[in-house]
Protein backbone atom coordinates (compact mmCIF):
# COMPACT_ATOMS: atom_id res chain seq x y z
CA UNK A 1 -140.96 4.61 -109.95
CA UNK A 2 -144.56 4.36 -111.07
CA UNK A 3 -146.53 1.35 -109.82
CA UNK A 4 -149.47 -0.05 -111.74
CA UNK A 5 -151.77 -2.96 -112.51
CA UNK A 6 -153.59 -4.16 -115.64
CA UNK A 7 -157.02 -3.56 -117.07
CA UNK A 8 -159.55 -4.02 -114.26
CA UNK A 9 -160.30 -2.47 -110.89
CA UNK A 10 -162.26 -4.58 -108.40
CA UNK A 11 -162.87 -1.74 -105.94
CA UNK A 12 -164.85 0.94 -107.75
CA UNK A 13 -167.69 -1.19 -109.11
CA UNK A 14 -167.37 -0.72 -112.86
CA UNK A 15 -165.67 -2.76 -115.55
CA UNK A 16 -163.91 -1.00 -118.42
CA UNK A 17 -164.07 -4.09 -120.62
CA UNK A 18 -167.75 -4.37 -121.49
CA UNK A 19 -168.28 -6.29 -124.71
CA UNK A 20 -170.88 -8.54 -126.38
CA UNK A 21 -171.07 -11.47 -128.76
CA UNK A 22 -170.29 -11.04 -132.42
CA UNK A 23 -173.68 -12.43 -133.47
CA UNK A 24 -175.42 -9.62 -131.57
CA UNK A 25 -173.28 -6.85 -133.06
CA UNK A 26 -174.95 -3.54 -133.81
CA UNK A 27 -173.74 0.05 -133.87
CA UNK A 28 -176.03 0.85 -130.97
CA UNK A 29 -174.49 -1.93 -128.85
CA UNK A 30 -171.02 -0.80 -129.85
CA UNK A 31 -171.66 2.83 -128.92
CA UNK A 32 -173.13 1.87 -125.56
CA UNK A 33 -170.24 -0.48 -124.78
CA UNK A 34 -167.53 2.01 -125.71
CA UNK A 35 -169.22 4.81 -123.78
CA UNK A 36 -169.40 2.56 -120.71
CA UNK A 37 -165.78 1.53 -121.10
CA UNK A 38 -164.47 5.08 -121.48
CA UNK A 39 -166.55 6.30 -118.53
CA UNK A 40 -165.20 3.46 -116.41
CA UNK A 41 -161.63 4.06 -117.57
CA UNK A 42 -161.90 7.66 -116.38
CA UNK A 43 -163.11 6.47 -112.97
CA UNK A 44 -160.29 3.93 -112.70
CA UNK A 45 -157.68 6.54 -113.55
CA UNK A 46 -159.13 8.95 -110.97
CA UNK A 47 -158.96 6.19 -108.34
CA UNK A 48 -155.40 5.39 -109.33
CA UNK A 49 -154.24 9.00 -109.05
CA UNK A 50 -155.80 9.28 -105.60
CA UNK A 51 -153.84 6.19 -104.52
CA UNK A 52 -150.51 7.00 -106.26
CA UNK A 53 -150.95 4.23 -108.83
CA UNK A 54 -149.53 6.06 -111.83
CA UNK A 55 -149.03 3.18 -114.29
CA UNK A 56 -152.01 1.51 -115.94
CA UNK A 57 -152.53 -1.03 -118.71
CA UNK A 58 -155.73 -0.24 -120.59
CA UNK A 59 -157.83 -3.25 -121.56
CA UNK A 60 -157.68 -4.33 -125.19
CA UNK A 61 -161.48 -4.70 -125.03
CA UNK A 62 -161.98 -0.93 -124.76
CA UNK A 63 -163.57 -0.91 -128.24
CA UNK A 64 -165.24 -4.28 -128.96
CA UNK A 65 -164.50 -5.78 -132.39
CA UNK A 66 -162.39 -2.73 -133.27
CA UNK A 67 -160.22 -4.71 -135.70
CA UNK A 68 -162.98 -7.03 -136.97
CA UNK A 69 -164.38 -6.48 -140.49
CA UNK A 70 -167.91 -6.29 -139.06
CA UNK A 71 -167.08 -3.01 -137.36
CA UNK A 72 -167.40 -0.29 -139.98
CA UNK A 73 -168.47 2.38 -137.52
CA UNK A 74 -166.27 5.48 -137.20
CA UNK A 75 -165.71 4.99 -133.48
CA UNK A 76 -162.55 7.09 -133.60
CA UNK A 77 -164.39 10.13 -134.90
CA UNK A 78 -167.45 9.58 -132.71
CA UNK A 79 -165.51 9.26 -129.47
CA UNK A 80 -162.68 11.71 -130.15
CA UNK A 81 -163.86 14.27 -127.54
CA UNK A 82 -164.01 11.64 -124.79
CA UNK A 83 -160.64 10.14 -125.73
CA UNK A 84 -159.08 13.60 -125.78
CA UNK A 85 -160.51 14.46 -122.35
CA UNK A 86 -159.13 11.25 -120.83
CA UNK A 87 -155.79 11.89 -122.52
CA UNK A 88 -155.58 15.37 -121.01
CA UNK A 89 -156.19 13.87 -117.57
CA UNK A 90 -153.50 11.24 -118.15
CA UNK A 91 -150.94 13.85 -119.17
CA UNK A 92 -151.87 16.29 -116.40
CA UNK A 93 -151.42 13.58 -113.76
CA UNK A 94 -148.27 12.09 -115.39
CA UNK A 95 -149.76 8.59 -115.69
CA UNK A 96 -147.88 5.97 -117.73
CA UNK A 97 -150.11 3.95 -120.07
CA UNK A 98 -149.57 0.63 -121.83
CA UNK A 99 -151.57 -1.91 -123.82
CA UNK A 100 -151.05 -5.65 -124.31
CA UNK A 101 -152.83 -7.36 -127.26
CA UNK A 102 -153.98 -10.92 -126.70
CA UNK A 103 -152.11 -14.11 -127.50
CA UNK A 104 -153.58 -14.26 -131.00
CA UNK A 105 -151.58 -11.23 -132.12
CA UNK A 106 -148.70 -13.04 -133.81
CA UNK A 107 -146.58 -11.02 -136.17
CA UNK A 108 -144.21 -13.93 -136.80
CA UNK A 109 -146.98 -16.39 -137.64
CA UNK A 110 -146.32 -18.74 -140.56
CA UNK A 111 -149.91 -18.05 -141.69
CA UNK A 112 -150.08 -14.77 -143.68
CA UNK A 113 -153.76 -14.36 -142.75
CA UNK A 114 -152.90 -14.45 -139.05
CA UNK A 115 -150.21 -11.83 -139.65
CA UNK A 116 -152.69 -9.57 -141.46
CA UNK A 117 -155.22 -9.88 -138.62
CA UNK A 118 -152.44 -9.14 -136.16
CA UNK A 119 -151.51 -5.97 -138.04
CA UNK A 120 -155.13 -4.80 -137.88
CA UNK A 121 -155.17 -5.46 -134.14
CA UNK A 122 -151.98 -3.45 -133.71
CA UNK A 123 -153.47 -0.60 -135.75
CA UNK A 124 -156.36 -0.52 -133.29
CA UNK A 125 -154.10 -0.45 -130.25
CA UNK A 126 -151.95 2.31 -131.74
CA UNK A 127 -155.09 4.28 -132.64
CA UNK A 128 -156.26 4.20 -129.01
CA UNK A 129 -152.98 5.70 -127.80
CA UNK A 130 -152.95 8.24 -130.61
CA UNK A 131 -156.54 9.31 -129.84
CA UNK A 132 -155.52 9.83 -126.23
CA UNK A 133 -152.82 12.16 -127.54
CA UNK A 134 -150.02 10.28 -125.77
CA UNK A 135 -146.39 10.37 -126.80
CA UNK A 136 -144.31 7.29 -127.61
CA UNK A 137 -143.68 6.49 -123.93
CA UNK A 138 -147.15 4.87 -124.06
CA UNK A 139 -146.32 1.37 -125.26
CA UNK A 140 -147.87 -1.74 -126.80
CA UNK A 141 -146.18 -4.87 -125.50
CA UNK A 142 -145.95 -8.14 -127.41
CA UNK A 143 -144.49 -11.58 -127.01
CA UNK A 144 -142.25 -12.65 -129.86
CA UNK A 145 -144.83 -15.44 -130.27
CA UNK A 146 -144.39 -18.85 -131.88
CA UNK A 147 -141.34 -20.98 -132.68
CA UNK A 148 -143.03 -23.13 -135.36
CA UNK A 149 -140.34 -25.80 -135.15
CA UNK A 150 -137.44 -23.47 -135.94
CA UNK A 151 -136.64 -20.66 -133.51
CA UNK A 152 -133.95 -18.97 -135.62
CA UNK A 153 -136.20 -18.78 -138.67
CA UNK A 154 -139.07 -17.56 -136.51
CA UNK A 155 -136.88 -14.82 -135.03
CA UNK A 156 -135.85 -13.73 -138.52
CA UNK A 157 -139.50 -13.73 -139.62
CA UNK A 158 -140.33 -11.50 -136.62
CA UNK A 159 -137.53 -9.10 -137.60
CA UNK A 160 -138.72 -8.98 -141.22
CA UNK A 161 -142.36 -8.50 -140.30
CA UNK A 162 -141.50 -5.83 -137.74
CA UNK A 163 -139.78 -3.89 -140.52
CA UNK A 164 -142.95 -4.07 -142.61
CA UNK A 165 -145.12 -2.40 -139.95
CA UNK A 166 -146.08 1.25 -140.20
CA UNK A 167 -144.17 3.68 -138.03
CA UNK A 168 -147.33 4.52 -136.07
CA UNK A 169 -147.14 0.95 -134.74
CA UNK A 170 -143.36 0.41 -134.60
CA UNK A 171 -142.72 3.47 -132.45
CA UNK A 172 -144.97 2.05 -129.74
CA UNK A 173 -144.00 -1.64 -129.77
CA UNK A 174 -141.92 -3.35 -127.10
CA UNK A 175 -141.25 -7.09 -126.73
CA UNK A 176 -141.11 -9.12 -123.53
CA UNK A 177 -139.52 -12.40 -122.57
CA UNK A 178 -142.06 -15.19 -122.06
CA UNK A 179 -142.33 -18.22 -119.80
CA UNK A 180 -141.89 -20.95 -122.46
CA UNK A 181 -140.29 -20.02 -125.76
CA UNK A 182 -138.36 -16.75 -125.87
CA UNK A 183 -135.91 -15.87 -123.12
CA UNK A 184 -134.48 -12.50 -122.26
CA UNK A 185 -131.42 -13.31 -124.39
CA UNK A 186 -133.66 -14.03 -127.39
CA UNK A 187 -135.37 -10.66 -126.97
CA UNK A 188 -132.04 -8.87 -126.63
CA UNK A 189 -130.89 -10.46 -129.91
CA UNK A 190 -133.99 -9.14 -131.64
CA UNK A 191 -133.36 -5.70 -130.15
CA UNK A 192 -129.83 -5.69 -131.58
CA UNK A 193 -131.26 -6.04 -135.10
CA UNK A 194 -134.43 -3.95 -134.82
CA UNK A 195 -133.84 -1.47 -132.00
CA UNK A 196 -137.14 -2.49 -130.41
CA UNK A 197 -137.13 -1.92 -126.62
CA UNK A 198 -137.28 -4.98 -124.36
CA UNK A 199 -139.72 -5.12 -121.45
CA UNK A 200 -138.48 -7.42 -118.69
CA UNK A 201 -140.92 -9.84 -117.09
CA UNK A 202 -139.41 -10.99 -113.79
CA UNK A 203 -141.69 -14.00 -113.35
CA UNK A 204 -141.19 -15.26 -116.89
CA UNK A 205 -137.45 -14.94 -116.29
CA UNK A 206 -137.74 -17.09 -113.16
CA UNK A 207 -139.63 -19.75 -115.11
CA UNK A 208 -137.65 -19.50 -118.37
CA UNK A 209 -134.30 -17.95 -117.47
CA UNK A 210 -131.37 -17.13 -119.70
CA UNK A 211 -129.05 -17.05 -116.71
CA UNK A 212 -128.93 -13.44 -115.55
CA UNK A 213 -129.62 -12.29 -112.02
CA UNK A 214 -132.57 -9.94 -111.60
CA UNK A 215 -130.26 -6.96 -111.33
CA UNK A 216 -128.28 -7.99 -114.40
CA UNK A 217 -131.48 -8.53 -116.38
CA UNK A 218 -132.99 -5.15 -115.52
CA UNK A 219 -129.66 -3.45 -116.24
CA UNK A 220 -129.51 -5.13 -119.66
CA UNK A 221 -133.00 -4.10 -120.76
CA UNK A 222 -132.42 -0.53 -119.58
CA UNK A 223 -129.96 -0.09 -122.42
CA UNK A 224 -132.61 -1.01 -125.00
CA UNK A 225 -134.83 2.00 -124.19
CA UNK A 226 -134.14 5.36 -125.83
CA UNK A 227 -134.96 8.66 -124.14
CA UNK A 228 -138.11 9.13 -126.24
CA UNK A 229 -139.38 5.69 -125.15
CA UNK A 230 -139.46 6.75 -121.51
CA UNK A 231 -138.02 4.81 -118.60
CA UNK A 232 -138.03 1.01 -119.02
CA UNK A 233 -141.07 -1.05 -118.12
CA UNK A 234 -140.90 -4.15 -115.94
CA UNK A 235 -143.68 -6.69 -115.28
CA UNK A 236 -143.77 -8.26 -111.82
CA UNK A 237 -145.49 -11.33 -110.41
CA UNK A 238 -144.59 -14.51 -108.56
CA UNK A 239 -145.61 -18.16 -108.39
CA UNK A 240 -148.99 -18.98 -106.88
CA UNK A 241 -148.17 -20.77 -103.58
CA UNK A 242 -149.14 -24.44 -103.58
CA UNK A 243 -149.97 -24.56 -107.27
CA UNK A 244 -148.60 -27.69 -109.01
CA UNK A 245 -148.42 -25.76 -112.28
CA UNK A 246 -145.19 -23.86 -112.72
CA UNK A 247 -146.00 -20.49 -114.26
CA UNK A 248 -149.32 -19.78 -112.51
CA UNK A 249 -149.43 -16.14 -111.41
CA UNK A 250 -150.02 -15.42 -107.75
CA UNK A 251 -153.47 -14.35 -106.62
CA UNK A 252 -152.08 -11.73 -104.25
CA UNK A 253 -148.70 -10.14 -103.68
CA UNK A 254 -145.99 -11.98 -101.74
CA UNK A 255 -144.45 -9.01 -99.95
CA UNK A 256 -141.32 -10.95 -98.99
CA UNK A 257 -140.67 -11.92 -102.61
CA UNK A 258 -141.49 -8.37 -103.72
CA UNK A 259 -139.12 -6.83 -101.20
CA UNK A 260 -136.28 -9.07 -102.37
CA UNK A 261 -136.89 -7.93 -105.95
CA UNK A 262 -136.91 -4.27 -104.90
CA UNK A 263 -133.69 -4.70 -102.92
CA UNK A 264 -132.03 -6.49 -105.85
CA UNK A 265 -132.83 -3.60 -108.19
CA UNK A 266 -131.93 -0.74 -105.85
CA UNK A 267 -130.80 2.29 -107.83
CA UNK A 268 -132.22 1.13 -111.18
CA UNK A 269 -134.96 3.19 -112.83
CA UNK A 270 -138.11 1.59 -114.23
CA UNK A 271 -141.90 1.65 -114.07
CA UNK A 272 -143.42 -1.48 -112.56
CA UNK A 273 -146.58 -3.30 -113.67
CA UNK A 274 -147.93 -5.81 -111.13
CA UNK A 275 -149.52 -8.72 -113.00
CA UNK A 276 -151.27 -10.09 -109.92
CA UNK A 277 -154.83 -11.35 -109.94
CA UNK A 278 -156.25 -9.10 -107.23
CA UNK A 279 -155.13 -6.05 -109.22
CA UNK A 280 -155.27 -2.79 -107.25
CA UNK A 281 -155.35 -4.57 -103.86
CA UNK A 282 -151.80 -5.86 -104.34
CA UNK A 283 -150.72 -2.63 -106.04
CA UNK A 284 -151.80 -0.67 -102.96
CA UNK A 285 -149.74 -2.95 -100.73
CA UNK A 286 -146.73 -2.44 -102.99
CA UNK A 287 -147.14 1.34 -102.88
CA UNK A 288 -147.33 1.32 -99.09
CA UNK A 289 -144.12 -0.69 -98.83
CA UNK A 290 -142.29 1.43 -101.39
CA UNK A 291 -143.37 4.67 -99.72
CA UNK A 292 -142.01 3.37 -96.43
CA UNK A 293 -138.54 2.80 -97.93
CA UNK A 294 -138.52 5.92 -100.10
CA UNK A 295 -138.66 4.26 -103.55
CA UNK A 296 -141.70 6.34 -104.64
């Protein structure tokens, strides 16, 4: 089992998500931001390897305005050597990589313009993984997105739009259950038609369940992943204690809750992303516990 966390590291003193406002866009600012972000990404990955954190979600802000029409700079060509070097490190250390576009990436939107912008955003995310030289086990995870007053029609629109995407995108996409609209069962139905792997989010399942136990849920999504997709991915978090809002992610890991999840999934194979606000601090606690019981 690989353990990871998303996007930022609060320990090492750099932020691999440097960006700037659209109105101040220039190629010079873009080059400086991307160079900073790639340098910081390399430092984060080195930290992670040292601490046995071998799963990492790269920030979508790695290349600011990458999918925006204002950006006509050949950032892919300019930064190819640096991307390739980071990719070699990732492969040498057997790190699992993922990406998660923001909530405005909606391939089942009823607005064709939103769909087109979403496709451009997915092209960018796929290009990052391709530049790193990673195989299709490096994934881009999406929510199914909106319901727009008719879930069945929206599911069908997702299926149709998914089929229209280029293979460079489709081979990397996975969908996850969310905490409001699309349950695990909804995602499994989409998988049956498209073959798209399903990433299981434990916390979303607790908030918006389709009835399965944790073990049943992880077992079900395991069957949606082919060998070339790698082992399944699972997102983990829990409810923030004392928060009146159901669905607020915890600020730090609840080791009792985490241990119950680990015990419930004994013997099942997956890589685990901890979506917890203090990032590597909680991930380090999880690694220590898992090392003690022989799970990693």
